[in-house]
Amino acid sequence: MTEKATFGAGCFWGVEAAFRKIEGVVSTTVGYSGGSSKNPTYRDVCSGRTGHAEVVQVEYDPSKTSYEELLNVFWGVHDPTQINRQGPDVGTQYRSAIFFYTAEQEAAAKAAKAHLEKSGRYRKPIATAIIPASEFYMAEEYHQQYFEKHGMTC
């Protein structure tokens, strides 16, 4: 039996590639979540008017990897202190967010965030939002496994 986890950590191409390397990850899908409009396109999301974040939905086997391991990957692939940006990408669609599906995921995400805040690793506060999962809209096919399709690595 598999479970889902959804993360927003900037441009979804590199984030997806990082999760695909984890043993126990069954599949990844890039898309949009956390916004107000139905069936947004990439162009819609990039306009900043839909409120969606670029996200990666991860389907994983909890007997082979844990949600905590996925959280570790999430924290490691981006700067969680940035508000509405990652590197050169700026806009609400690039915000740092964890979309939880269960009370257990919510608790684990909050505990991981608190641990990271106390660790002293960052000088600025962690900006990552931890919110209930909302409707997930799959991104256009050309975005799926983008790095693999184009012979790139992260």
C-alpha atoms as a PDB file:
ATOM      1  CA  MET A   1       0.000   0.000   0.000  1.00  0.00           C
ATOM      2  CA  THR A   2       1.329   3.434  -0.886  1.00  0.00           C
ATOM      3  CA  GLU A   3       0.869   6.897   0.587  1.00  0.00           C
ATOM      4  CA  LYS A   4       1.033  10.419  -0.859  1.00  0.00           C
ATOM      5  CA  ALA A   5       3.059  13.441   0.140  1.00  0.00           C
ATOM      6  CA  THR A   6       3.051  16.850  -1.563  1.00  0.00           C
ATOM      7  CA  PHE A   7       5.772  19.486  -1.367  1.00  0.00           C
ATOM      8  CA  GLY A   8       6.353  22.952  -2.804  1.00  0.00           C
ATOM      9  CA  ALA A   9      10.009  23.986  -2.868  1.00  0.00           C
ATOM     10  CA  GLY A  10      10.489  26.270  -5.839  1.00  0.00           C
ATOM     11  CA  CYS A  11      10.649  25.158  -9.460  1.00  0.00           C
ATOM     12  CA  PHE A  12       9.254  21.648  -9.507  1.00  0.00           C
ATOM     13  CA  TRP A  13      11.717  20.191 -12.028  1.00  0.00           C
ATOM     14  CA  GLY A  14      14.684  19.847  -9.683  1.00  0.00           C
ATOM     15  CA  VAL A  15      12.521  18.996  -6.693  1.00  0.00           C
ATOM     16  CA  GLU A  16      10.929  16.125  -8.602  1.00  0.00           C
ATOM     17  CA  ALA A  17      14.334  14.821  -9.704  1.00  0.00           C
ATOM     18  CA  ALA A  18      15.547  14.738  -6.096  1.00  0.00           C
ATOM     19  CA  PHE A  19      12.535  12.732  -4.890  1.00  0.00           C
ATOM     20  CA  ARG A  20      12.811  10.272  -7.785  1.00  0.00           C
ATOM     21  CA  LYS A  21      16.222   9.178  -6.444  1.00  0.00           C
ATOM     22  CA  ILE A  22      14.782   7.936  -3.140  1.00  0.00           C
ATOM     23  CA  GLU A  23      14.339   4.188  -2.778  1.00  0.00           C
ATOM     24  CA  GLY A  24      10.711   3.557  -1.924  1.00  0.00           C
ATOM     25  CA  VAL A  25       9.363   6.405  -4.049  1.00  0.00           C
ATOM     26  CA  VAL A  26       6.957   4.719  -6.440  1.00  0.00           C
ATOM     27  CA  SER A  27       6.133   7.748  -8.589  1.00  0.00           C
ATOM     28  CA  THR A  28       6.290  11.519  -8.736  1.00  0.00           C
ATOM     29  CA  THR A  29       3.988  13.965 -10.465  1.00  0.00           C
ATOM     30  CA  VAL A  30       4.573  17.677 -10.805  1.00  0.00           C
ATOM     31  CA  GLY A  31       1.630  20.000 -10.615  1.00  0.00           C
ATOM     32  CA  TYR A  32      -0.104  22.843  -8.859  1.00  0.00           C
ATOM     33  CA  SER A  33      -1.780  23.067  -5.482  1.00  0.00           C
ATOM     34  CA  GLY A  34      -2.928  25.616  -2.934  1.00  0.00           C
ATOM     35  CA  GLY A  35      -4.691  27.987  -5.304  1.00  0.00           C
ATOM     36  CA  SER A  36      -8.187  29.173  -6.011  1.00  0.00           C
ATOM     37  CA  SER A  37      -8.883  28.352  -9.661  1.00  0.00           C
ATOM     38  CA  LYS A  38      -9.712  24.979 -11.154  1.00  0.00           C
ATOM     39  CA  ASN A  39      -7.468  23.268 -13.721  1.00  0.00           C
ATOM     40  CA  PRO A  40      -4.807  25.967 -13.945  1.00  0.00           C
ATOM     41  CA  THR A  41      -2.208  25.878 -16.685  1.00  0.00           C
ATOM     42  CA  TYR A  42       1.468  26.647 -16.255  1.00  0.00           C
ATOM     43  CA  ARG A  43       0.846  30.063 -17.804  1.00  0.00           C
ATOM     44  CA  ASP A  44      -2.004  30.692 -15.335  1.00  0.00           C
ATOM     45  CA  VAL A  45       0.132  29.726 -12.345  1.00  0.00           C
ATOM     46  CA  CYS A  46       3.106  31.793 -13.533  1.00  0.00           C
ATOM     47  CA  SER A  47       0.851  34.848 -13.754  1.00  0.00           C
ATOM     48  CA  GLY A  48       0.677  34.794  -9.953  1.00  0.00           C
ATOM     49  CA  ARG A  49      -3.088  35.279 -10.036  1.00  0.00           C
ATOM     50  CA  THR A  50      -4.223  31.730  -9.213  1.00  0.00           C
ATOM     51  CA  GLY A  51      -2.511  31.363  -5.830  1.00  0.00           C
ATOM     52  CA  HIS A  52      -1.149  27.929  -6.721  1.00  0.00           C
ATOM     53  CA  ALA A  53       2.318  26.710  -5.823  1.00  0.00           C
ATOM     54  CA  GLU A  54       4.423  24.527  -8.082  1.00  0.00           C
ATOM     55  CA  VAL A  55       4.474  21.212  -6.232  1.00  0.00           C
ATOM     56  CA  VAL A  56       5.617  17.633  -6.464  1.00  0.00           C
ATOM     57  CA  GLN A  57       3.214  14.923  -5.423  1.00  0.00           C
ATOM     58  CA  VAL A  58       5.162  11.886  -4.258  1.00  0.00           C
ATOM     59  CA  GLU A  59       3.673   8.414  -4.055  1.00  0.00           C
ATOM     60  CA  TYR A  60       5.786   6.271  -1.771  1.00  0.00           C
ATOM     61  CA  ASP A  61       5.902   2.885  -0.083  1.00  0.00           C
ATOM     62  CA  PRO A  62       6.122   3.486   3.691  1.00  0.00           C
ATOM     63  CA  SER A  63       7.654   0.038   4.176  1.00  0.00           C
ATOM     64  CA  LYS A  64      10.669   1.203   2.119  1.00  0.00           C
ATOM     65  CA  THR A  65      10.971   4.887   3.016  1.00  0.00           C
ATOM     66  CA  SER A  66       9.441   7.090   5.653  1.00  0.00           C
ATOM     67  CA  TYR A  67       7.641  10.393   5.495  1.00  0.00           C
ATOM     68  CA  GLU A  68      10.459  11.737   7.663  1.00  0.00           C
ATOM     69  CA  GLU A  69      12.982  10.758   4.976  1.00  0.00           C
ATOM     70  CA  LEU A  70      10.903  12.624   2.401  1.00  0.00           C
ATOM     71  CA  LEU A  71      10.890  15.640   4.717  1.00  0.00           C
ATOM     72  CA  ASN A  72      14.698  15.462   4.925  1.00  0.00           C
ATOM     73  CA  VAL A  73      14.906  15.567   1.128  1.00  0.00           C
ATOM     74  CA  PHE A  74      12.447  18.475   1.038  1.00  0.00           C
ATOM     75  CA  TRP A  75      14.486  20.540   3.528  1.00  0.00           C
ATOM     76  CA  GLY A  76      17.681  19.760   1.638  1.00  0.00           C
ATOM     77  CA  VAL A  77      16.580  20.756  -1.878  1.00  0.00           C
ATOM     78  CA  HIS A  78      15.696  24.379  -1.201  1.00  0.00           C
ATOM     79  CA  ASP A  79      16.131  27.329   1.138  1.00  0.00           C
ATOM     80  CA  PRO A  80      13.082  27.212   3.418  1.00  0.00           C
ATOM     81  CA  THR A  81      13.743  30.733   4.724  1.00  0.00           C
ATOM     82  CA  GLN A  82      12.913  32.322   1.380  1.00  0.00           C
ATOM     83  CA  ILE A  83       9.469  33.860   0.971  1.00  0.00           C
ATOM     84  CA  ASN A  84       7.943  33.411  -2.484  1.00  0.00           C
ATOM     85  CA  ARG A  85      11.226  32.659  -4.206  1.00  0.00           C
ATOM     86  CA  GLN A  86      13.947  30.100  -4.764  1.00  0.00           C
ATOM     87  CA  GLY A  87      17.142  31.200  -6.451  1.00  0.00           C
ATOM     88  CA  PRO A  88      16.297  33.292  -9.510  1.00  0.00           C
ATOM     89  CA  ASP A  89      12.626  32.213  -9.477  1.00  0.00           C
ATOM     90  CA  VAL A  90      10.361  34.793  -7.843  1.00  0.00           C
ATOM     91  CA  GLY A  91       6.618  34.611  -7.203  1.00  0.00           C
ATOM     92  CA  THR A  92       4.078  32.980  -4.915  1.00  0.00           C
ATOM     93  CA  GLN A  93       4.172  29.867  -7.106  1.00  0.00           C
ATOM     94  CA  TYR A  94       7.706  29.209  -5.795  1.00  0.00           C
ATOM     95  CA  ARG A  95       6.819  29.327  -2.104  1.00  0.00           C
ATOM     96  CA  SER A  96       7.974  26.719   0.373  1.00  0.00           C
ATOM     97  CA  ALA A  97       5.059  24.561   1.505  1.00  0.00           C
ATOM     98  CA  ILE A  98       4.239  21.147   2.882  1.00  0.00           C
ATOM     99  CA  PHE A  99       0.725  19.948   2.050  1.00  0.00           C
ATOM    100  CA  PHE A 100      -0.251  17.265   4.558  1.00  0.00           C
ATOM    101  CA  TYR A 101      -2.837  14.500   4.072  1.00  0.00           C
ATOM    102  CA  THR A 102      -3.035  13.102   7.606  1.00  0.00           C
ATOM    103  CA  ALA A 103      -2.664  14.255  11.186  1.00  0.00           C
ATOM    104  CA  GLU A 104       0.504  12.139  11.362  1.00  0.00           C
ATOM    105  CA  GLN A 105       2.026  13.985   8.394  1.00  0.00           C
ATOM    106  CA  GLU A 106       1.077  17.326   9.928  1.00  0.00           C
ATOM    107  CA  ALA A 107       2.715  16.409  13.239  1.00  0.00           C
ATOM    108  CA  ALA A 108       5.863  15.094  11.544  1.00  0.00           C
ATOM    109  CA  ALA A 109       6.169  18.211   9.368  1.00  0.00           C
ATOM    110  CA  LYS A 110       5.719  20.554  12.336  1.00  0.00           C
ATOM    111  CA  ALA A 111       8.234  18.590  14.415  1.00  0.00           C
ATOM    112  CA  ALA A 112      10.782  18.634  11.570  1.00  0.00           C
ATOM    113  CA  LYS A 113      10.299  22.370  11.066  1.00  0.00           C
ATOM    114  CA  ALA A 114      10.725  23.041  14.804  1.00  0.00           C
ATOM    115  CA  HIS A 115      13.861  20.895  14.888  1.00  0.00           C
ATOM    116  CA  LEU A 116      15.322  22.758  11.906  1.00  0.00           C
ATOM    117  CA  GLU A 117      14.512  26.134  13.476  1.00  0.00           C
ATOM    118  CA  LYS A 118      16.270  25.147  16.704  1.00  0.00           C
ATOM    119  CA  SER A 119      19.277  23.689  14.892  1.00  0.00           C
ATOM    120  CA  GLY A 120      20.761  27.098  14.080  1.00  0.00           C
ATOM    121  CA  ARG A 121      21.333  26.054  10.471  1.00  0.00           C
ATOM    122  CA  TYR A 122      19.596  29.203   9.236  1.00  0.00           C
ATOM    123  CA  ARG A 123      19.862  32.762  10.494  1.00  0.00           C
ATOM    124  CA  LYS A 124      16.425  33.680   9.213  1.00  0.00           C
ATOM    125  CA  PRO A 125      13.153  32.044  10.327  1.00  0.00           C
ATOM    126  CA  ILE A 126      11.785  29.095   8.382  1.00  0.00           C
ATOM    127  CA  ALA A 127       9.075  30.416   6.034  1.00  0.00           C
ATOM    128  CA  THR A 128       7.657  27.020   5.047  1.00  0.00           C
ATOM    129  CA  ALA A 129       3.868  26.814   5.305  1.00  0.00           C
ATOM    130  CA  ILE A 130       2.429  23.559   6.635  1.00  0.00           C
ATOM    131  CA  ILE A 131      -1.134  23.323   5.390  1.00  0.00           C
ATOM    132  CA  PRO A 132      -3.803  20.726   4.606  1.00  0.00           C
ATOM    133  CA  ALA A 133      -3.541  19.198   1.159  1.00  0.00           C
ATOM    134  CA  SER A 134      -5.872  20.809  -1.323  1.00  0.00           C
ATOM    135  CA  GLU A 135      -6.849  19.936  -4.867  1.00  0.00           C
ATOM    136  CA  PHE A 136      -3.822  18.820  -6.884  1.00  0.00           C
ATOM    137  CA  TYR A 137      -3.727  19.608 -10.592  1.00  0.00           C
ATOM    138  CA  MET A 138      -1.231  17.734 -12.718  1.00  0.00           C
ATOM    139  CA  ALA A 139       1.068  19.986 -14.736  1.00  0.00           C
ATOM    140  CA  GLU A 140       1.342  19.659 -18.478  1.00  0.00           C
ATOM    141  CA  GLU A 141       3.071  16.520 -19.733  1.00  0.00           C
ATOM    142  CA  TYR A 142       6.210  18.348 -20.882  1.00  0.00           C
ATOM    143  CA  HIS A 143       6.911  19.265 -17.235  1.00  0.00           C
ATOM    144  CA  GLN A 144       6.769  15.650 -15.994  1.00  0.00           C
ATOM    145  CA  GLN A 145      10.252  14.209 -15.346  1.00  0.00           C
ATOM    146  CA  TYR A 146      11.648  17.223 -17.159  1.00  0.00           C
ATOM    147  CA  PHE A 147      15.279  16.644 -16.243  1.00  0.00           C
ATOM    148  CA  GLU A 148      15.184  12.997 -17.345  1.00  0.00           C
ATOM    149  CA  LYS A 149      13.590  13.922 -20.673  1.00  0.00           C
ATOM    150  CA  HIS A 150      16.257  16.543 -21.338  1.00  0.00           C
ATOM    151  CA  GLY A 151      19.294  14.612 -20.117  1.00  0.00           C
ATOM    152  CA  MET A 152      19.859  16.913 -17.162  1.00  0.00           C
ATOM    153  CA  THR A 153      20.680  16.165 -13.540  1.00  0.00           C
ATOM    154  CA  CYS A 154      20.242  18.156 -10.393  1.00  0.00           C
END
